[in-house]
Amino acid sequence: MEDDFDFGDKVPPAVNRMGNVIRDSDARGFNPGLIVLLVVGGLLLAFLAGNYALYVYAQNTLPQKRKKPVSKKKMKRERLKQGISAPGE
């Protein structure tokens, strides 16, 4: 029974083909999925860096946002809440 399965030096054809694929993997070049990932990641990083640069530039160069002027009616109401009478009353 032991003599029936004596292969000796013979290698199955499927294993022989897989050995060539492993040896030739460096010759094919980069993985296309990796290239797409690097391009998309690079574009995202460039977009975020550009937004940050524009934000810093705008903070340094643009004037401060002006507050809306308070109406005389609201000022009078605030003074009355604090107990200070408006002049002329």
N, C-alpha and C. Protein backbone atom coordinates (compact mmCIF):
# COMPACT_ATOMS: atom_id res chain seq x y z
N MET A 1 0.82 -1.19 0.00
CA MET A 1 0.00 0.00 0.00
C MET A 1 0.87 1.26 0.00
N GLU A 2 2.00 1.20 0.67
CA GLU A 2 2.89 2.35 0.70
C GLU A 2 3.51 2.59 -0.67
N ASP A 3 3.66 1.60 -1.47
CA ASP A 3 4.30 1.75 -2.77
C ASP A 3 3.38 2.38 -3.81
N ASP A 4 2.07 2.43 -3.56
CA ASP A 4 1.14 2.97 -4.54
C ASP A 4 1.28 4.49 -4.70
N PHE A 5 1.70 5.19 -3.63
CA PHE A 5 1.73 6.66 -3.66
C PHE A 5 3.15 7.19 -3.67
N ASP A 6 4.04 6.55 -4.33
CA ASP A 6 5.42 6.99 -4.39
C ASP A 6 5.59 7.93 -5.60
N PHE A 7 5.69 9.26 -5.33
CA PHE A 7 5.84 10.23 -6.41
C PHE A 7 7.30 10.51 -6.72
N GLY A 8 8.17 10.37 -5.76
CA GLY A 8 9.59 10.62 -5.99
C GLY A 8 9.86 12.10 -6.16
N ASP A 9 10.46 12.48 -7.28
CA ASP A 9 10.83 13.88 -7.53
C ASP A 9 9.78 14.62 -8.35
N LYS A 10 8.67 14.00 -8.61
CA LYS A 10 7.66 14.64 -9.43
C LYS A 10 6.90 15.70 -8.63
N VAL A 11 6.64 16.85 -9.27
CA VAL A 11 5.89 17.94 -8.64
C VAL A 11 4.60 18.12 -9.42
N PRO A 12 3.47 18.26 -8.74
CA PRO A 12 2.21 18.48 -9.45
C PRO A 12 2.28 19.76 -10.28
N PRO A 13 1.63 19.79 -11.45
CA PRO A 13 1.73 20.95 -12.34
C PRO A 13 1.21 22.24 -11.73
N ALA A 14 0.19 22.17 -10.89
CA ALA A 14 -0.37 23.39 -10.30
C ALA A 14 0.65 24.06 -9.38
N VAL A 15 1.41 23.29 -8.63
CA VAL A 15 2.42 23.85 -7.71
C VAL A 15 3.55 24.46 -8.52
N ASN A 16 3.91 23.85 -9.63
CA ASN A 16 4.98 24.37 -10.46
C ASN A 16 4.61 25.73 -11.06
N ARG A 17 3.36 25.89 -11.49
CA ARG A 17 2.92 27.18 -12.04
C ARG A 17 2.87 28.26 -10.97
N MET A 18 2.47 27.94 -9.77
CA MET A 18 2.40 28.93 -8.69
C MET A 18 3.79 29.44 -8.33
N GLY A 19 4.78 28.59 -8.43
CA GLY A 19 6.15 29.02 -8.15
C GLY A 19 6.60 30.11 -9.10
N ASN A 20 6.21 30.03 -10.36
CA ASN A 20 6.58 31.06 -11.33
C ASN A 20 5.88 32.38 -11.04
N VAL A 21 4.64 32.32 -10.59
CA VAL A 21 3.90 33.54 -10.28
C VAL A 21 4.56 34.27 -9.12
N ILE A 22 5.00 33.54 -8.12
CA ILE A 22 5.64 34.15 -6.96
C ILE A 22 6.97 34.78 -7.37
N ARG A 23 7.71 34.13 -8.20
CA ARG A 23 9.01 34.67 -8.63
C ARG A 23 8.85 35.88 -9.54
N ASP A 24 7.81 35.92 -10.36
CA ASP A 24 7.63 37.00 -11.33
C ASP A 24 6.78 38.16 -10.81
N SER A 25 6.43 38.16 -9.53
CA SER A 25 5.56 39.22 -9.02
C SER A 25 6.25 40.58 -9.04
N ASP A 26 7.55 40.65 -8.85
CA ASP A 26 8.27 41.92 -8.88
C ASP A 26 8.37 42.47 -10.29
N ALA A 27 8.35 41.64 -11.28
CA ALA A 27 8.52 42.08 -12.66
C ALA A 27 7.25 42.75 -13.20
N ARG A 28 6.08 42.52 -12.60
CA ARG A 28 4.83 43.07 -13.12
C ARG A 28 4.67 44.55 -12.83
N GLY A 29 5.24 45.07 -11.79
CA GLY A 29 5.10 46.48 -11.44
C GLY A 29 4.23 46.65 -10.20
N PHE A 30 3.70 47.88 -10.04
CA PHE A 30 2.91 48.19 -8.86
C PHE A 30 1.50 47.64 -8.97
N ASN A 31 0.90 47.45 -7.83
CA ASN A 31 -0.49 47.02 -7.77
C ASN A 31 -1.39 48.20 -8.17
N PRO A 32 -2.29 48.05 -9.12
CA PRO A 32 -3.15 49.18 -9.54
C PRO A 32 -3.99 49.75 -8.40
N GLY A 33 -4.43 48.90 -7.49
CA GLY A 33 -5.20 49.38 -6.34
C GLY A 33 -4.38 50.30 -5.47
N LEU A 34 -3.11 49.98 -5.32
CA LEU A 34 -2.21 50.82 -4.52
C LEU A 34 -2.01 52.17 -5.19
N ILE A 35 -1.90 52.19 -6.50
CA ILE A 35 -1.71 53.44 -7.22
C ILE A 35 -2.94 54.33 -7.06
N VAL A 36 -4.13 53.76 -7.19
CA VAL A 36 -5.36 54.53 -7.02
C VAL A 36 -5.45 55.07 -5.59
N LEU A 37 -5.12 54.25 -4.62
CA LEU A 37 -5.16 54.68 -3.23
C LEU A 37 -4.19 55.82 -2.98
N LEU A 38 -3.00 55.74 -3.53
CA LEU A 38 -2.02 56.81 -3.35
C LEU A 38 -2.45 58.11 -4.03
N VAL A 39 -3.04 58.01 -5.22
CA VAL A 39 -3.49 59.21 -5.93
C VAL A 39 -4.63 59.88 -5.18
N VAL A 40 -5.62 59.10 -4.76
CA VAL A 40 -6.77 59.67 -4.03
C VAL A 40 -6.31 60.24 -2.69
N GLY A 41 -5.45 59.53 -1.99
CA GLY A 41 -4.93 60.04 -0.72
C GLY A 41 -4.13 61.31 -0.91
N GLY A 42 -3.33 61.37 -1.96
CA GLY A 42 -2.55 62.58 -2.24
C GLY A 42 -3.43 63.77 -2.57
N LEU A 43 -4.47 63.54 -3.36
CA LEU A 43 -5.40 64.63 -3.68
C LEU A 43 -6.14 65.12 -2.44
N LEU A 44 -6.55 64.21 -1.59
CA LEU A 44 -7.24 64.59 -0.36
C LEU A 44 -6.32 65.39 0.55
N LEU A 45 -5.08 64.94 0.67
CA LEU A 45 -4.11 65.65 1.50
C LEU A 45 -3.82 67.04 0.93
N ALA A 46 -3.70 67.16 -0.38
CA ALA A 46 -3.46 68.46 -1.01
C ALA A 46 -4.66 69.39 -0.80
N PHE A 47 -5.87 68.86 -0.89
CA PHE A 47 -7.07 69.66 -0.67
C PHE A 47 -7.12 70.20 0.76
N LEU A 48 -6.86 69.33 1.73
CA LEU A 48 -6.90 69.76 3.13
C LEU A 48 -5.80 70.77 3.44
N ALA A 49 -4.61 70.55 2.91
CA ALA A 49 -3.50 71.47 3.13
C ALA A 49 -3.81 72.83 2.48
N GLY A 50 -4.40 72.84 1.29
CA GLY A 50 -4.78 74.08 0.63
C GLY A 50 -5.84 74.84 1.40
N ASN A 51 -6.82 74.13 1.92
CA ASN A 51 -7.86 74.79 2.73
C ASN A 51 -7.26 75.42 3.98
N TYR A 52 -6.36 74.72 4.62
CA TYR A 52 -5.72 75.25 5.83
C TYR A 52 -4.89 76.49 5.49
N ALA A 53 -4.16 76.45 4.38
CA ALA A 53 -3.35 77.59 3.97
C ALA A 53 -4.23 78.80 3.67
N LEU A 54 -5.34 78.60 2.97
CA LEU A 54 -6.27 79.71 2.70
C LEU A 54 -6.89 80.26 3.98
N TYR A 55 -7.20 79.39 4.93
CA TYR A 55 -7.77 79.83 6.20
C TYR A 55 -6.78 80.71 6.95
N VAL A 56 -5.52 80.28 7.02
CA VAL A 56 -4.50 81.06 7.73
C VAL A 56 -4.28 82.40 7.03
N TYR A 57 -4.24 82.37 5.70
CA TYR A 57 -4.06 83.60 4.94
C TYR A 57 -5.22 84.57 5.18
N ALA A 58 -6.44 84.06 5.19
CA ALA A 58 -7.61 84.91 5.39
C ALA A 58 -7.63 85.48 6.81
N GLN A 59 -7.21 84.71 7.79
CA GLN A 59 -7.19 85.21 9.16
C GLN A 59 -6.20 86.35 9.32
N ASN A 60 -5.11 86.29 8.59
CA ASN A 60 -4.07 87.33 8.72
C ASN A 60 -4.37 88.57 7.89
N THR A 61 -5.03 88.45 6.77
CA THR A 61 -5.16 89.58 5.85
C THR A 61 -6.53 90.24 5.87
N LEU A 62 -7.59 89.51 6.09
CA LEU A 62 -8.92 90.11 6.05
C LEU A 62 -9.18 90.90 7.33
N PRO A 63 -9.92 92.04 7.23
CA PRO A 63 -10.23 92.81 8.43
C PRO A 63 -11.22 92.06 9.32
N GLN A 64 -11.27 92.47 10.57
CA GLN A 64 -12.19 91.83 11.50
C GLN A 64 -13.63 92.13 11.09
N LYS A 65 -14.50 91.21 11.40
CA LYS A 65 -15.91 91.37 11.08
C LYS A 65 -16.51 92.43 12.01
N ARG A 66 -17.18 93.40 11.44
CA ARG A 66 -17.77 94.47 12.24
C ARG A 66 -19.05 94.00 12.90
N LYS A 67 -19.26 94.50 14.11
CA LYS A 67 -20.51 94.19 14.79
C LYS A 67 -21.60 95.10 14.27
N LYS A 68 -22.81 94.64 14.30
CA LYS A 68 -23.93 95.47 13.88
C LYS A 68 -24.13 96.58 14.92
N PRO A 69 -24.42 97.78 14.46
CA PRO A 69 -24.66 98.85 15.44
C PRO A 69 -25.94 98.59 16.22
N VAL A 70 -25.88 98.90 17.52
CA VAL A 70 -27.03 98.69 18.39
C VAL A 70 -27.95 99.89 18.23
N SER A 71 -29.23 99.62 18.06
CA SER A 71 -30.19 100.71 17.86
C SER A 71 -30.38 101.50 19.17
N LYS A 72 -30.80 102.76 19.02
CA LYS A 72 -31.01 103.62 20.19
C LYS A 72 -32.10 103.06 21.09
N LYS A 73 -33.08 102.43 20.47
CA LYS A 73 -34.18 101.86 21.25
C LYS A 73 -33.67 100.74 22.16
N LYS A 74 -32.80 99.88 21.63
CA LYS A 74 -32.25 98.78 22.43
C LYS A 74 -31.33 99.31 23.52
N MET A 75 -30.55 100.35 23.21
CA MET A 75 -29.67 100.93 24.23
C MET A 75 -30.49 101.51 25.38
N LYS A 76 -31.59 102.19 25.03
CA LYS A 76 -32.46 102.78 26.05
C LYS A 76 -33.06 101.69 26.94
N ARG A 77 -33.49 100.60 26.31
CA ARG A 77 -34.08 99.49 27.06
C ARG A 77 -33.06 98.86 28.01
N GLU A 78 -31.81 98.70 27.55
CA GLU A 78 -30.75 98.13 28.39
C GLU A 78 -30.47 99.04 29.59
N ARG A 79 -30.43 100.34 29.36
CA ARG A 79 -30.17 101.27 30.47
C ARG A 79 -31.28 101.21 31.50
N LEU A 80 -32.51 101.09 31.03
CA LEU A 80 -33.63 101.01 31.97
C LEU A 80 -33.58 99.73 32.79
N LYS A 81 -33.10 98.62 32.16
CA LYS A 81 -32.97 97.36 32.90
C LYS A 81 -31.92 97.49 34.00
N GLN A 82 -30.88 98.27 33.74
CA GLN A 82 -29.81 98.43 34.73
C GLN A 82 -30.16 99.47 35.78
N GLY A 83 -31.23 100.22 35.58
CA GLY A 83 -31.66 101.22 36.56
C GLY A 83 -31.11 102.59 36.28
N ILE A 84 -30.50 102.80 35.16
CA ILE A 84 -29.98 104.12 34.81
C ILE A 84 -31.00 104.77 33.89
N SER A 85 -31.46 105.96 34.29
CA SER A 85 -32.44 106.64 33.44
C SER A 85 -31.74 107.31 32.29
N ALA A 86 -32.40 107.33 31.17
CA ALA A 86 -31.85 107.96 29.99
C ALA A 86 -31.86 109.48 30.17
N PRO A 87 -30.86 110.18 29.66
CA PRO A 87 -30.85 111.64 29.83
C PRO A 87 -32.03 112.30 29.09
N GLY A 88 -32.60 113.31 29.72
CA GLY A 88 -33.73 114.02 29.11
C GLY A 88 -35.07 113.42 29.45
N GLU A 89 -35.13 112.48 30.37
CA GLU A 89 -36.42 111.89 30.74
C GLU A 89 -36.72 112.17 32.17
